[in-house]
Amino acid sequence: MEKQAEVMDNWLRIRLDTVLPEIMRREKIDMWVVICREYNEDPVFLTLVPSRWYAARRTTMLVFFDQGKEGVER
């Protein structure tokens, strides 16, 4: 299980570092906010968090801000 979590988290890092900025720029999105309530997650939530996160807690917000050449702040 530990190795599987490591592989999943590496793929997440790649997606957030390469795919996310490319899509945000292509679609001209400067900021993307994903808001979830406890145990009522946005459908994309689990694709954006480490493998050991099983659910949102209370109110969880993921914010992605495209800073241009400096990359996407998260």
PDB file of N, CA and C in Angstrom:
ATOM      1  N   MET A   1       0.820  -1.199   0.000  1.00  0.00           N
ATOM      2  CA  MET A   1       0.000   0.000   0.000  1.00  0.00           C
ATOM      3  C   MET A   1       0.863   1.263   0.000  1.00  0.00           C
ATOM      4  N   GLU A   2       1.959   1.218   0.709  1.00  0.00           N
ATOM      5  CA  GLU A   2       2.835   2.393   0.789  1.00  0.00           C
ATOM      6  C   GLU A   2       3.406   2.739  -0.582  1.00  0.00           C
ATOM      7  N   LYS A   3       3.820   1.727  -1.319  1.00  0.00           N
ATOM      8  CA  LYS A   3       4.374   1.945  -2.661  1.00  0.00           C
ATOM      9  C   LYS A   3       3.294   2.484  -3.606  1.00  0.00           C
ATOM     10  N   GLN A   4       2.085   1.951  -3.487  1.00  0.00           N
ATOM     11  CA  GLN A   4       0.977   2.413  -4.326  1.00  0.00           C
ATOM     12  C   GLN A   4       0.677   3.886  -4.043  1.00  0.00           C
ATOM     13  N   ALA A   5       0.661   4.275  -2.778  1.00  0.00           N
ATOM     14  CA  ALA A   5       0.414   5.670  -2.415  1.00  0.00           C
ATOM     15  C   ALA A   5       1.514   6.570  -2.968  1.00  0.00           C
ATOM     16  N   GLU A   6       2.749   6.103  -2.920  1.00  0.00           N
ATOM     17  CA  GLU A   6       3.874   6.878  -3.447  1.00  0.00           C
ATOM     18  C   GLU A   6       3.729   7.104  -4.956  1.00  0.00           C
ATOM     19  N   VAL A   7       3.347   6.059  -5.677  1.00  0.00           N
ATOM     20  CA  VAL A   7       3.155   6.175  -7.129  1.00  0.00           C
ATOM     21  C   VAL A   7       2.015   7.146  -7.438  1.00  0.00           C
ATOM     22  N   MET A   8       0.905   7.015  -6.717  1.00  0.00           N
ATOM     23  CA  MET A   8      -0.242   7.899  -6.945  1.00  0.00           C
ATOM     24  C   MET A   8       0.119   9.351  -6.660  1.00  0.00           C
ATOM     25  N   ASP A   9       0.857   9.587  -5.589  1.00  0.00           N
ATOM     26  CA  ASP A   9       1.244  10.954  -5.231  1.00  0.00           C
ATOM     27  C   ASP A   9       2.239  11.539  -6.230  1.00  0.00           C
ATOM     28  N   ASN A  10       3.104  10.710  -6.797  1.00  0.00           N
ATOM     29  CA  ASN A  10       4.014  11.192  -7.845  1.00  0.00           C
ATOM     30  C   ASN A  10       3.237  11.613  -9.083  1.00  0.00           C
ATOM     31  N   TRP A  11       2.233  10.827  -9.470  1.00  0.00           N
ATOM     32  CA  TRP A  11       1.403  11.208 -10.615  1.00  0.00           C
ATOM     33  C   TRP A  11       0.633  12.488 -10.329  1.00  0.00           C
ATOM     34  N   LEU A  12       0.157  12.643  -9.113  1.00  0.00           N
ATOM     35  CA  LEU A  12      -0.537  13.883  -8.734  1.00  0.00           C
ATOM     36  C   LEU A  12       0.392  15.074  -8.897  1.00  0.00           C
ATOM     37  N   ARG A  13       1.609  14.958  -8.429  1.00  0.00           N
ATOM     38  CA  ARG A  13       2.587  16.045  -8.540  1.00  0.00           C
ATOM     39  C   ARG A  13       2.818  16.411 -10.006  1.00  0.00           C
ATOM     40  N   ILE A  14       2.949  15.405 -10.853  1.00  0.00           N
ATOM     41  CA  ILE A  14       3.147  15.653 -12.286  1.00  0.00           C
ATOM     42  C   ILE A  14       1.939  16.382 -12.876  1.00  0.00           C
ATOM     43  N   ARG A  15       0.740  15.919 -12.538  1.00  0.00           N
ATOM     44  CA  ARG A  15      -0.479  16.576 -13.061  1.00  0.00           C
ATOM     45  C   ARG A  15      -0.566  18.024 -12.604  1.00  0.00           C
ATOM     46  N   LEU A  16      -0.289  18.275 -11.322  1.00  0.00           N
ATOM     47  CA  LEU A  16      -0.403  19.640 -10.804  1.00  0.00           C
ATOM     48  C   LEU A  16       0.695  20.551 -11.342  1.00  0.00           C
ATOM     49  N   ASP A  17       1.865  19.994 -11.620  1.00  0.00           N
ATOM     50  CA  ASP A  17       2.986  20.807 -12.110  1.00  0.00           C
ATOM     51  C   ASP A  17       2.948  21.045 -13.614  1.00  0.00           C
ATOM     52  N   THR A  18       2.348  20.140 -14.375  1.00  0.00           N
ATOM     53  CA  THR A  18       2.397  20.272 -15.836  1.00  0.00           C
ATOM     54  C   THR A  18       1.024  20.408 -16.482  1.00  0.00           C
ATOM     55  N   VAL A  19       0.128  19.489 -16.189  1.00  0.00           N
ATOM     56  CA  VAL A  19      -1.177  19.482 -16.851  1.00  0.00           C
ATOM     57  C   VAL A  19      -2.046  20.650 -16.395  1.00  0.00           C
ATOM     58  N   LEU A  20      -2.128  20.876 -15.096  1.00  0.00           N
ATOM     59  CA  LEU A  20      -2.985  21.946 -14.576  1.00  0.00           C
ATOM     60  C   LEU A  20      -2.624  23.318 -15.129  1.00  0.00           C
ATOM     61  N   PRO A  21      -1.354  23.743 -15.100  1.00  0.00           N
ATOM     62  CA  PRO A  21      -1.031  25.059 -15.667  1.00  0.00           C
ATOM     63  C   PRO A  21      -1.371  25.154 -17.156  1.00  0.00           C
ATOM     64  N   GLU A  22      -1.110  24.096 -17.895  1.00  0.00           N
ATOM     65  CA  GLU A  22      -1.395  24.101 -19.334  1.00  0.00           C
ATOM     66  C   GLU A  22      -2.889  24.297 -19.601  1.00  0.00           C
ATOM     67  N   ILE A  23      -3.718  23.573 -18.876  1.00  0.00           N
ATOM     68  CA  ILE A  23      -5.167  23.676 -19.070  1.00  0.00           C
ATOM     69  C   ILE A  23      -5.677  25.040 -18.620  1.00  0.00           C
ATOM     70  N   MET A  24      -5.195  25.531 -17.472  1.00  0.00           N
ATOM     71  CA  MET A  24      -5.645  26.840 -16.988  1.00  0.00           C
ATOM     72  C   MET A  24      -5.310  27.934 -17.998  1.00  0.00           C
ATOM     73  N   ARG A  25      -4.140  27.885 -18.580  1.00  0.00           N
ATOM     74  CA  ARG A  25      -3.738  28.905 -19.561  1.00  0.00           C
ATOM     75  C   ARG A  25      -4.512  28.764 -20.860  1.00  0.00           C
ATOM     76  N   ARG A  26      -4.695  27.537 -21.308  1.00  0.00           N
ATOM     77  CA  ARG A  26      -5.443  27.316 -22.548  1.00  0.00           C
ATOM     78  C   ARG A  26      -6.873  27.840 -22.435  1.00  0.00           C
ATOM     79  N   GLU A  27      -7.491  27.646 -21.274  1.00  0.00           N
ATOM     80  CA  GLU A  27      -8.875  28.063 -21.054  1.00  0.00           C
ATOM     81  C   GLU A  27      -8.987  29.467 -20.468  1.00  0.00           C
ATOM     82  N   LYS A  28      -7.836  30.146 -20.290  1.00  0.00           N
ATOM     83  CA  LYS A  28      -7.778  31.511 -19.758  1.00  0.00           C
ATOM     84  C   LYS A  28      -8.428  31.622 -18.368  1.00  0.00           C
ATOM     85  N   ILE A  29      -8.048  30.688 -17.496  1.00  0.00           N
ATOM     86  CA  ILE A  29      -8.523  30.683 -16.113  1.00  0.00           C
ATOM     87  C   ILE A  29      -7.369  31.133 -15.227  1.00  0.00           C
ATOM     88  N   ASP A  30      -7.546  32.244 -14.515  1.00  0.00           N
ATOM     89  CA  ASP A  30      -6.503  32.757 -13.625  1.00  0.00           C
ATOM     90  C   ASP A  30      -6.536  32.088 -12.256  1.00  0.00           C
ATOM     91  N   MET A  31      -7.748  31.775 -11.776  1.00  0.00           N
ATOM     92  CA  MET A  31      -7.881  31.172 -10.450  1.00  0.00           C
ATOM     93  C   MET A  31      -8.984  30.117 -10.490  1.00  0.00           C
ATOM     94  N   TRP A  32      -8.693  28.996  -9.866  1.00  0.00           N
ATOM     95  CA  TRP A  32      -9.666  27.914  -9.779  1.00  0.00           C
ATOM     96  C   TRP A  32      -9.830  27.581  -8.305  1.00  0.00           C
ATOM     97  N   VAL A  33     -11.064  27.635  -7.822  1.00  0.00           N
ATOM     98  CA  VAL A  33     -11.362  27.355  -6.422  1.00  0.00           C
ATOM     99  C   VAL A  33     -12.280  26.133  -6.363  1.00  0.00           C
ATOM    100  N   VAL A  34     -11.867  25.138  -5.603  1.00  0.00           N
ATOM    101  CA  VAL A  34     -12.671  23.930  -5.390  1.00  0.00           C
ATOM    102  C   VAL A  34     -13.075  23.940  -3.922  1.00  0.00           C
ATOM    103  N   ILE A  35     -14.369  24.037  -3.664  1.00  0.00           N
ATOM    104  CA  ILE A  35     -14.871  24.128  -2.287  1.00  0.00           C
ATOM    105  C   ILE A  35     -15.672  22.871  -1.967  1.00  0.00           C
ATOM    106  N   CYS A  36     -15.381  22.277  -0.820  1.00  0.00           N
ATOM    107  CA  CYS A  36     -16.064  21.053  -0.400  1.00  0.00           C
ATOM    108  C   CYS A  36     -16.528  21.196   1.041  1.00  0.00           C
ATOM    109  N   ARG A  37     -17.640  20.551   1.332  1.00  0.00           N
ATOM    110  CA  ARG A  37     -18.076  20.433   2.719  1.00  0.00           C
ATOM    111  C   ARG A  37     -17.742  19.027   3.200  1.00  0.00           C
ATOM    112  N   GLU A  38     -17.696  18.871   4.490  1.00  0.00           N
ATOM    113  CA  GLU A  38     -17.320  17.581   5.067  1.00  0.00           C
ATOM    114  C   GLU A  38     -18.184  16.453   4.511  1.00  0.00           C
ATOM    115  N   TYR A  39     -17.520  15.452   3.946  1.00  0.00           N
ATOM    116  CA  TYR A  39     -18.157  14.275   3.357  1.00  0.00           C
ATOM    117  C   TYR A  39     -19.138  14.620   2.234  1.00  0.00           C
ATOM    118  N   ASN A  40     -18.956  15.789   1.619  1.00  0.00           N
ATOM    119  CA  ASN A  40     -19.744  16.190   0.453  1.00  0.00           C
ATOM    120  C   ASN A  40     -18.782  16.852  -0.525  1.00  0.00           C
ATOM    121  N   GLU A  41     -17.868  16.046  -1.055  1.00  0.00           N
ATOM    122  CA  GLU A  41     -16.774  16.560  -1.859  1.00  0.00           C
ATOM    123  C   GLU A  41     -17.210  16.883  -3.284  1.00  0.00           C
ATOM    124  N   ASP A  42     -16.524  17.861  -3.860  1.00  0.00           N
ATOM    125  CA  ASP A  42     -16.643  18.134  -5.284  1.00  0.00           C
ATOM    126  C   ASP A  42     -16.161  16.885  -6.021  1.00  0.00           C
ATOM    127  N   PRO A  43     -16.752  16.554  -7.158  1.00  0.00           N
ATOM    128  CA  PRO A  43     -16.343  15.336  -7.873  1.00  0.00           C
ATOM    129  C   PRO A  43     -14.853  15.265  -8.223  1.00  0.00           C
ATOM    130  N   VAL A  44     -14.176  16.392  -8.385  1.00  0.00           N
ATOM    131  CA  VAL A  44     -12.755  16.359  -8.746  1.00  0.00           C
ATOM    132  C   VAL A  44     -11.832  16.381  -7.527  1.00  0.00           C
ATOM    133  N   PHE A  45     -12.373  16.527  -6.341  1.00  0.00           N
ATOM    134  CA  PHE A  45     -11.570  16.692  -5.129  1.00  0.00           C
ATOM    135  C   PHE A  45     -10.505  15.610  -4.969  1.00  0.00           C
ATOM    136  N   LEU A  46     -10.902  14.353  -5.053  1.00  0.00           N
ATOM    137  CA  LEU A  46      -9.952  13.261  -4.802  1.00  0.00           C
ATOM    138  C   LEU A  46      -8.880  13.149  -5.876  1.00  0.00           C
ATOM    139  N   THR A  47      -9.068  13.790  -7.030  1.00  0.00           N
ATOM    140  CA  THR A  47      -8.028  13.784  -8.067  1.00  0.00           C
ATOM    141  C   THR A  47      -7.015  14.897  -7.849  1.00  0.00           C
ATOM    142  N   LEU A  48      -7.246  15.757  -6.852  1.00  0.00           N
ATOM    143  CA  LEU A  48      -6.387  16.918  -6.616  1.00  0.00           C
ATOM    144  C   LEU A  48      -5.671  16.894  -5.275  1.00  0.00           C
ATOM    145  N   VAL A  49      -5.875  15.854  -4.493  1.00  0.00           N
ATOM    146  CA  VAL A  49      -5.266  15.779  -3.161  1.00  0.00           C
ATOM    147  C   VAL A  49      -4.433  14.499  -3.045  1.00  0.00           C
ATOM    148  N   PRO A  50      -3.498  14.465  -2.093  1.00  0.00           N
ATOM    149  CA  PRO A  50      -2.680  13.262  -1.893  1.00  0.00           C
ATOM    150  C   PRO A  50      -3.539  12.025  -1.613  1.00  0.00           C
ATOM    151  N   SER A  51      -2.993  10.876  -1.902  1.00  0.00           N
ATOM    152  CA  SER A  51      -3.743   9.617  -1.805  1.00  0.00           C
ATOM    153  C   SER A  51      -4.229   9.301  -0.392  1.00  0.00           C
ATOM    154  N   ARG A  52      -3.620   9.863   0.606  1.00  0.00           N
ATOM    155  CA  ARG A  52      -4.011   9.561   1.988  1.00  0.00           C
ATOM    156  C   ARG A  52      -5.180  10.418   2.484  1.00  0.00           C
ATOM    157  N   TRP A  53      -5.646  11.345   1.655  1.00  0.00           N
ATOM    158  CA  TRP A  53      -6.834  12.130   2.000  1.00  0.00           C
ATOM    159  C   TRP A  53      -8.042  11.333   1.543  1.00  0.00           C
ATOM    160  N   TYR A  54      -8.929  11.011   2.450  1.00  0.00           N
ATOM    161  CA  TYR A  54     -10.092  10.204   2.096  1.00  0.00           C
ATOM    162  C   TYR A  54     -11.360  11.036   1.972  1.00  0.00           C
ATOM    163  N   ALA A  55     -11.372  12.224   2.576  1.00  0.00           N
ATOM    164  CA  ALA A  55     -12.568  13.061   2.528  1.00  0.00           C
ATOM    165  C   ALA A  55     -12.196  14.485   2.926  1.00  0.00           C
ATOM    166  N   ALA A  56     -13.064  15.409   2.566  1.00  0.00           N
ATOM    167  CA  ALA A  56     -12.890  16.797   3.001  1.00  0.00           C
ATOM    168  C   ALA A  56     -13.279  16.885   4.476  1.00  0.00           C
ATOM    169  N   ARG A  57     -12.699  17.835   5.166  1.00  0.00           N
ATOM    170  CA  ARG A  57     -13.034  18.066   6.570  1.00  0.00           C
ATOM    171  C   ARG A  57     -13.649  19.449   6.709  1.00  0.00           C
ATOM    172  N   ARG A  58     -14.731  19.511   7.455  1.00  0.00           N
ATOM    173  CA  ARG A  58     -15.463  20.766   7.637  1.00  0.00           C
ATOM    174  C   ARG A  58     -15.619  21.432   6.288  1.00  0.00           C
ATOM    175  N   THR A  59     -15.125  22.644   6.124  1.00  0.00           N
ATOM    176  CA  THR A  59     -15.109  23.269   4.804  1.00  0.00           C
ATOM    177  C   THR A  59     -13.673  23.247   4.308  1.00  0.00           C
ATOM    178  N   THR A  60     -13.444  22.590   3.205  1.00  0.00           N
ATOM    179  CA  THR A  60     -12.112  22.486   2.615  1.00  0.00           C
ATOM    180  C   THR A  60     -12.110  23.248   1.305  1.00  0.00           C
ATOM    181  N   MET A  61     -11.088  24.082   1.117  1.00  0.00           N
ATOM    182  CA  MET A  61     -10.958  24.837  -0.127  1.00  0.00           C
ATOM    183  C   MET A  61      -9.595  24.554  -0.747  1.00  0.00           C
ATOM    184  N   LEU A  62      -9.594  24.239  -2.018  1.00  0.00           N
ATOM    185  CA  LEU A  62      -8.363  24.119  -2.789  1.00  0.00           C
ATOM    186  C   LEU A  62      -8.351  25.306  -3.740  1.00  0.00           C
ATOM    187  N   VAL A  63      -7.276  26.081  -3.714  1.00  0.00           N
ATOM    188  CA  VAL A  63      -7.180  27.273  -4.559  1.00  0.00           C
ATOM    189  C   VAL A  63      -5.942  27.151  -5.430  1.00  0.00           C
ATOM    190  N   PHE A  64      -6.130  27.322  -6.722  1.00  0.00           N
ATOM    191  CA  PHE A  64      -5.040  27.280  -7.695  1.00  0.00           C
ATOM    192  C   PHE A  64      -5.008  28.632  -8.399  1.00  0.00           C
ATOM    193  N   PHE A  65      -3.883  29.342  -8.299  1.00  0.00           N
ATOM    194  CA  PHE A  65      -3.746  30.680  -8.872  1.00  0.00           C
ATOM    195  C   PHE A  65      -2.586  30.693  -9.854  1.00  0.00           C
ATOM    196  N   ASP A  66      -2.882  31.003 -11.109  1.00  0.00           N
ATOM    197  CA  ASP A  66      -1.848  31.034 -12.142  1.00  0.00           C
ATOM    198  C   ASP A  66      -1.106  32.361 -12.069  1.00  0.00           C
ATOM    199  N   GLN A  67       0.174  32.302 -11.719  1.00  0.00           N
ATOM    200  CA  GLN A  67       1.009  33.494 -11.594  1.00  0.00           C
ATOM    201  C   GLN A  67       1.833  33.746 -12.852  1.00  0.00           C
ATOM    202  N   GLY A  68       1.455  33.131 -13.959  1.00  0.00           N
ATOM    203  CA  GLY A  68       2.202  33.311 -15.199  1.00  0.00           C
ATOM    204  C   GLY A  68       3.495  32.530 -15.186  1.00  0.00           C
ATOM    205  N   LYS A  69       4.603  33.222 -15.442  1.00  0.00           N
ATOM    206  CA  LYS A  69       5.912  32.565 -15.524  1.00  0.00           C
ATOM    207  C   LYS A  69       6.327  31.904 -14.213  1.00  0.00           C
ATOM    208  N   GLU A  70       5.783  32.376 -13.105  1.00  0.00           N
ATOM    209  CA  GLU A  70       6.130  31.826 -11.785  1.00  0.00           C
ATOM    210  C   GLU A  70       5.387  30.524 -11.487  1.00  0.00           C
ATOM    211  N   GLY A  71       4.461  30.138 -12.347  1.00  0.00           N
ATOM    212  CA  GLY A  71       3.738  28.889 -12.170  1.00  0.00           C
ATOM    213  C   GLY A  71       2.427  29.056 -11.432  1.00  0.00           C
ATOM    214  N   VAL A  72       1.812  27.937 -11.132  1.00  0.00           N
ATOM    215  CA  VAL A  72       0.526  27.926 -10.439  1.00  0.00           C
ATOM    216  C   VAL A  72       0.774  27.768  -8.946  1.00  0.00           C
ATOM    217  N   GLU A  73       0.300  28.743  -8.196  1.00  0.00           N
ATOM    218  CA  GLU A  73       0.390  28.660  -6.730  1.00  0.00           C
ATOM    219  C   GLU A  73      -0.779  27.827  -6.248  1.00  0.00           C
ATOM    220  N   ARG A  74      -0.506  26.938  -5.294  1.00  0.00           N
ATOM    221  CA  ARG A  74      -1.581  26.112  -4.756  1.00  0.00           C
ATOM    222  C   ARG A  74      -1.465  25.983  -3.257  1.00  0.00           C
TER     223      ARG A  74
END
